[in-house]
Amino acid sequence: MEYLTVLLPSIAMGVIFYFVMKAIFNADRAEREAESAQRNARENAFKPESSPGDESEKQ
């Protein structure tokens, strides 16, 4: 029982640390995905849309 009382605080802190880091990494990934989607939407908004006739003129 002595081992349990000695190890339990360290184990609890390890578990808490794991979940905190997991939440941080998930938030970071979601933020990077949102920024990427916003950047792609901004880039696509300024690109002229090609019509089907444009490709035949290139050939």
PDB file of N, CA and C in Angstrom:
ATOM      1  N   MET A   1       0.818  -1.198   0.000  1.00  0.00           N
ATOM      2  CA  MET A   1       0.000   0.000   0.000  1.00  0.00           C
ATOM      3  C   MET A   1       0.862   1.262   0.000  1.00  0.00           C
ATOM      4  N   GLU A   2       2.059   1.158   0.550  1.00  0.00           N
ATOM      5  CA  GLU A   2       2.947   2.319   0.563  1.00  0.00           C
ATOM      6  C   GLU A   2       3.308   2.743  -0.855  1.00  0.00           C
ATOM      7  N   TYR A   3       3.515   1.770  -1.730  1.00  0.00           N
ATOM      8  CA  TYR A   3       3.889   2.082  -3.108  1.00  0.00           C
ATOM      9  C   TYR A   3       2.781   2.851  -3.814  1.00  0.00           C
ATOM     10  N   LEU A   4       1.561   2.481  -3.522  1.00  0.00           N
ATOM     11  CA  LEU A   4       0.428   3.153  -4.150  1.00  0.00           C
ATOM     12  C   LEU A   4       0.359   4.621  -3.729  1.00  0.00           C
ATOM     13  N   THR A   5       0.548   4.891  -2.453  1.00  0.00           N
ATOM     14  CA  THR A   5       0.485   6.280  -1.985  1.00  0.00           C
ATOM     15  C   THR A   5       1.655   7.101  -2.515  1.00  0.00           C
ATOM     16  N   VAL A   6       2.765   6.444  -2.807  1.00  0.00           N
ATOM     17  CA  VAL A   6       3.920   7.149  -3.353  1.00  0.00           C
ATOM     18  C   VAL A   6       3.731   7.413  -4.848  1.00  0.00           C
ATOM     19  N   LEU A   7       3.209   6.443  -5.569  1.00  0.00           N
ATOM     20  CA  LEU A   7       3.103   6.551  -7.025  1.00  0.00           C
ATOM     21  C   LEU A   7       1.823   7.231  -7.512  1.00  0.00           C
ATOM     22  N   LEU A   8       0.783   7.206  -6.718  1.00  0.00           N
ATOM     23  CA  LEU A   8      -0.504   7.745  -7.161  1.00  0.00           C
ATOM     24  C   LEU A   8      -0.437   9.222  -7.573  1.00  0.00           C
ATOM     25  N   PRO A   9       0.206  10.116  -6.838  1.00  0.00           N
ATOM     26  CA  PRO A   9       0.271  11.513  -7.299  1.00  0.00           C
ATOM     27  C   PRO A   9       0.985  11.664  -8.645  1.00  0.00           C
ATOM     28  N   SER A  10       2.059  10.922  -8.844  1.00  0.00           N
ATOM     29  CA  SER A  10       2.780  11.002 -10.120  1.00  0.00           C
ATOM     30  C   SER A  10       1.936  10.461 -11.263  1.00  0.00           C
ATOM     31  N   ILE A  11       1.251   9.376 -11.025  1.00  0.00           N
ATOM     32  CA  ILE A  11       0.384   8.797 -12.058  1.00  0.00           C
ATOM     33  C   ILE A  11      -0.751   9.762 -12.388  1.00  0.00           C
ATOM     34  N   ALA A  12      -1.350  10.357 -11.369  1.00  0.00           N
ATOM     35  CA  ALA A  12      -2.445  11.307 -11.593  1.00  0.00           C
ATOM     36  C   ALA A  12      -1.956  12.513 -12.392  1.00  0.00           C
ATOM     37  N   MET A  13      -0.788  13.033 -12.042  1.00  0.00           N
ATOM     38  CA  MET A  13      -0.244  14.174 -12.786  1.00  0.00           C
ATOM     39  C   MET A  13       0.072  13.784 -14.225  1.00  0.00           C
ATOM     40  N   GLY A  14       0.545  12.568 -14.441  1.00  0.00           N
ATOM     41  CA  GLY A  14       0.814  12.092 -15.797  1.00  0.00           C
ATOM     42  C   GLY A  14      -0.453  12.013 -16.627  1.00  0.00           C
ATOM     43  N   VAL A  15      -1.516  11.526 -16.025  1.00  0.00           N
ATOM     44  CA  VAL A  15      -2.799  11.421 -16.738  1.00  0.00           C
ATOM     45  C   VAL A  15      -3.343  12.814 -17.057  1.00  0.00           C
ATOM     46  N   ILE A  16      -3.275  13.713 -16.094  1.00  0.00           N
ATOM     47  CA  ILE A  16      -3.736  15.089 -16.333  1.00  0.00           C
ATOM     48  C   ILE A  16      -2.901  15.743 -17.427  1.00  0.00           C
ATOM     49  N   PHE A  17      -1.586  15.566 -17.359  1.00  0.00           N
ATOM     50  CA  PHE A  17      -0.690  16.126 -18.370  1.00  0.00           C
ATOM     51  C   PHE A  17      -1.037  15.592 -19.753  1.00  0.00           C
ATOM     52  N   TYR A  18      -1.324  14.297 -19.850  1.00  0.00           N
ATOM     53  CA  TYR A  18      -1.677  13.684 -21.135  1.00  0.00           C
ATOM     54  C   TYR A  18      -2.916  14.355 -21.726  1.00  0.00           C
ATOM     55  N   PHE A  19      -3.961  14.518 -20.924  1.00  0.00           N
ATOM     56  CA  PHE A  19      -5.195  15.091 -21.448  1.00  0.00           C
ATOM     57  C   PHE A  19      -5.041  16.578 -21.783  1.00  0.00           C
ATOM     58  N   VAL A  20      -4.251  17.298 -21.010  1.00  0.00           N
ATOM     59  CA  VAL A  20      -4.012  18.711 -21.317  1.00  0.00           C
ATOM     60  C   VAL A  20      -3.258  18.838 -22.636  1.00  0.00           C
ATOM     61  N   MET A  21      -2.212  18.053 -22.813  1.00  0.00           N
ATOM     62  CA  MET A  21      -1.440  18.114 -24.056  1.00  0.00           C
ATOM     63  C   MET A  21      -2.285  17.673 -25.253  1.00  0.00           C
ATOM     64  N   LYS A  22      -3.116  16.660 -25.057  1.00  0.00           N
ATOM     65  CA  LYS A  22      -3.996  16.204 -26.135  1.00  0.00           C
ATOM     66  C   LYS A  22      -4.951  17.327 -26.553  1.00  0.00           C
ATOM     67  N   ALA A  23      -5.499  18.045 -25.581  1.00  0.00           N
ATOM     68  CA  ALA A  23      -6.406  19.154 -25.888  1.00  0.00           C
ATOM     69  C   ALA A  23      -5.671  20.280 -26.614  1.00  0.00           C
ATOM     70  N   ILE A  24      -4.446  20.562 -26.192  1.00  0.00           N
ATOM     71  CA  ILE A  24      -3.662  21.619 -26.843  1.00  0.00           C
ATOM     72  C   ILE A  24      -3.368  21.251 -28.289  1.00  0.00           C
ATOM     73  N   PHE A  25      -2.943  20.013 -28.529  1.00  0.00           N
ATOM     74  CA  PHE A  25      -2.630  19.596 -29.893  1.00  0.00           C
ATOM     75  C   PHE A  25      -3.877  19.560 -30.772  1.00  0.00           C
ATOM     76  N   ASN A  26      -5.009  19.134 -30.229  1.00  0.00           N
ATOM     77  CA  ASN A  26      -6.250  19.140 -31.005  1.00  0.00           C
ATOM     78  C   ASN A  26      -6.667  20.566 -31.359  1.00  0.00           C
ATOM     79  N   ALA A  27      -6.540  21.485 -30.422  1.00  0.00           N
ATOM     80  CA  ALA A  27      -6.886  22.884 -30.697  1.00  0.00           C
ATOM     81  C   ALA A  27      -5.951  23.473 -31.743  1.00  0.00           C
ATOM     82  N   ASP A  28      -4.672  23.145 -31.655  1.00  0.00           N
ATOM     83  CA  ASP A  28      -3.703  23.651 -32.629  1.00  0.00           C
ATOM     84  C   ASP A  28      -4.005  23.110 -34.022  1.00  0.00           C
ATOM     85  N   ARG A  29      -4.322  21.820 -34.106  1.00  0.00           N
ATOM     86  CA  ARG A  29      -4.636  21.229 -35.406  1.00  0.00           C
ATOM     87  C   ARG A  29      -5.888  21.867 -35.998  1.00  0.00           C
ATOM     88  N   ALA A  30      -6.901  22.076 -35.168  1.00  0.00           N
ATOM     89  CA  ALA A  30      -8.138  22.692 -35.655  1.00  0.00           C
ATOM     90  C   ALA A  30      -7.883  24.122 -36.132  1.00  0.00           C
ATOM     91  N   GLU A  31      -7.027  24.849 -35.414  1.00  0.00           N
ATOM     92  CA  GLU A  31      -6.719  26.218 -35.822  1.00  0.00           C
ATOM     93  C   GLU A  31      -5.962  26.241 -37.145  1.00  0.00           C
ATOM     94  N   ARG A  32      -5.007  25.325 -37.316  1.00  0.00           N
ATOM     95  CA  ARG A  32      -4.267  25.274 -38.579  1.00  0.00           C
ATOM     96  C   ARG A  32      -5.182  24.894 -39.733  1.00  0.00           C
ATOM     97  N   GLU A  33      -6.120  23.975 -39.512  1.00  0.00           N
ATOM     98  CA  GLU A  33      -7.070  23.600 -40.567  1.00  0.00           C
ATOM     99  C   GLU A  33      -7.967  24.780 -40.926  1.00  0.00           C
ATOM    100  N   ALA A  34      -8.417  25.535 -39.929  1.00  0.00           N
ATOM    101  CA  ALA A  34      -9.276  26.691 -40.190  1.00  0.00           C
ATOM    102  C   ALA A  34      -8.519  27.771 -40.953  1.00  0.00           C
ATOM    103  N   GLU A  35      -7.271  28.015 -40.566  1.00  0.00           N
ATOM    104  CA  GLU A  35      -6.471  29.009 -41.282  1.00  0.00           C
ATOM    105  C   GLU A  35      -6.213  28.575 -42.718  1.00  0.00           C
ATOM    106  N   SER A  36      -5.964  27.295 -42.919  1.00  0.00           N
ATOM    107  CA  SER A  36      -5.727  26.783 -44.266  1.00  0.00           C
ATOM    108  C   SER A  36      -6.985  26.914 -45.121  1.00  0.00           C
ATOM    109  N   ALA A  37      -8.128  26.586 -44.550  1.00  0.00           N
ATOM    110  CA  ALA A  37      -9.381  26.711 -45.292  1.00  0.00           C
ATOM    111  C   ALA A  37      -9.662  28.169 -45.638  1.00  0.00           C
ATOM    112  N   GLN A  38      -9.383  29.058 -44.697  1.00  0.00           N
ATOM    113  CA  GLN A  38      -9.595  30.482 -44.955  1.00  0.00           C
ATOM    114  C   GLN A  38      -8.644  30.976 -46.042  1.00  0.00           C
ATOM    115  N   ARG A  39      -7.395  30.545 -45.994  1.00  0.00           N
ATOM    116  CA  ARG A  39      -6.413  30.949 -47.002  1.00  0.00           C
ATOM    117  C   ARG A  39      -6.823  30.423 -48.374  1.00  0.00           C
ATOM    118  N   ASN A  40      -7.266  29.161 -48.443  1.00  0.00           N
ATOM    119  CA  ASN A  40      -7.698  28.587 -49.716  1.00  0.00           C
ATOM    120  C   ASN A  40      -8.922  29.312 -50.264  1.00  0.00           C
ATOM    121  N   ALA A  41      -9.850  29.662 -49.390  1.00  0.00           N
ATOM    122  CA  ALA A  41     -11.044  30.379 -49.842  1.00  0.00           C
ATOM    123  C   ALA A  41     -10.671  31.755 -50.375  1.00  0.00           C
ATOM    124  N   ARG A  42      -9.726  32.422 -49.706  1.00  0.00           N
ATOM    125  CA  ARG A  42      -9.281  33.732 -50.158  1.00  0.00           C
ATOM    126  C   ARG A  42      -8.583  33.633 -51.511  1.00  0.00           C
ATOM    127  N   GLU A  43      -7.724  32.626 -51.682  1.00  0.00           N
ATOM    128  CA  GLU A  43      -7.010  32.455 -52.951  1.00  0.00           C
ATOM    129  C   GLU A  43      -7.969  32.094 -54.081  1.00  0.00           C
ATOM    130  N   ASN A  44      -8.937  31.246 -53.807  1.00  0.00           N
ATOM    131  CA  ASN A  44      -9.888  30.843 -54.841  1.00  0.00           C
ATOM    132  C   ASN A  44     -10.854  31.965 -55.196  1.00  0.00           C
ATOM    133  N   ALA A  45     -11.073  32.894 -54.302  1.00  0.00           N
ATOM    134  CA  ALA A  45     -11.986  34.001 -54.581  1.00  0.00           C
ATOM    135  C   ALA A  45     -11.400  34.940 -55.628  1.00  0.00           C
ATOM    136  N   PHE A  46     -10.080  35.040 -55.700  1.00  0.00           N
ATOM    137  CA  PHE A  46      -9.444  35.958 -56.636  1.00  0.00           C
ATOM    138  C   PHE A  46      -9.060  35.306 -57.952  1.00  0.00           C
ATOM    139  N   LYS A  47      -9.169  33.998 -58.054  1.00  0.00           N
ATOM    140  CA  LYS A  47      -8.828  33.317 -59.304  1.00  0.00           C
ATOM    141  C   LYS A  47     -10.019  33.378 -60.250  1.00  0.00           C
ATOM    142  N   PRO A  48      -9.789  33.734 -61.501  1.00  0.00           N
ATOM    143  CA  PRO A  48     -10.905  33.715 -62.456  1.00  0.00           C
ATOM    144  C   PRO A  48     -11.286  32.268 -62.772  1.00  0.00           C
ATOM    145  N   GLU A  49     -12.559  32.046 -62.883  1.00  0.00           N
ATOM    146  CA  GLU A  49     -13.021  30.700 -63.205  1.00  0.00           C
ATOM    147  C   GLU A  49     -12.799  30.434 -64.686  1.00  0.00           C
ATOM    148  N   SER A  50     -12.301  29.257 -65.005  1.00  0.00           N
ATOM    149  CA  SER A  50     -12.073  28.917 -66.411  1.00  0.00           C
ATOM    150  C   SER A  50     -13.350  28.312 -66.980  1.00  0.00           C
ATOM    151  N   SER A  51     -13.657  28.705 -68.189  1.00  0.00           N
ATOM    152  CA  SER A  51     -14.827  28.148 -68.853  1.00  0.00           C
ATOM    153  C   SER A  51     -14.378  26.970 -69.710  1.00  0.00           C
ATOM    154  N   PRO A  52     -15.285  26.088 -70.101  1.00  0.00           N
ATOM    155  CA  PRO A  52     -14.899  24.921 -70.904  1.00  0.00           C
ATOM    156  C   PRO A  52     -14.233  25.306 -72.217  1.00  0.00           C
ATOM    157  N   GLY A  53     -14.547  26.465 -72.765  1.00  0.00           N
ATOM    158  CA  GLY A  53     -13.949  26.900 -74.018  1.00  0.00           C
ATOM    159  C   GLY A  53     -12.488  27.293 -73.871  1.00  0.00           C
ATOM    160  N   ASP A  54     -12.063  27.633 -72.678  1.00  0.00           N
ATOM    161  CA  ASP A  54     -10.678  28.048 -72.459  1.00  0.00           C
ATOM    162  C   ASP A  54      -9.702  26.919 -72.740  1.00  0.00           C
ATOM    163  N   GLU A  55     -10.041  25.713 -72.373  1.00  0.00           N
ATOM    164  CA  GLU A  55      -9.123  24.592 -72.561  1.00  0.00           C
ATOM    165  C   GLU A  55      -8.968  24.236 -74.034  1.00  0.00           C
ATOM    166  N   SER A  56     -10.013  24.389 -74.831  1.00  0.00           N
ATOM    167  CA  SER A  56      -9.900  24.064 -76.253  1.00  0.00           C
ATOM    168  C   SER A  56      -9.042  25.097 -76.979  1.00  0.00           C
ATOM    169  N   GLU A  57      -9.019  26.328 -76.489  1.00  0.00           N
ATOM    170  CA  GLU A  57      -8.191  27.358 -77.104  1.00  0.00           C
ATOM    171  C   GLU A  57      -6.710  27.116 -76.849  1.00  0.00           C
ATOM    172  N   LYS A  58      -6.366  26.452 -75.744  1.00  0.00           N
ATOM    173  CA  LYS A  58      -4.971  26.186 -75.410  1.00  0.00           C
ATOM    174  C   LYS A  58      -4.367  25.126 -76.314  1.00  0.00           C
ATOM    175  N   GLN A  59      -5.179  24.247 -76.839  1.00  0.00           N
ATOM    176  CA  GLN A  59      -4.650  23.132 -77.636  1.00  0.00           C
ATOM    177  C   GLN A  59      -4.323  23.528 -79.020  1.00  0.00           C
TER     178      GLN A  59
END
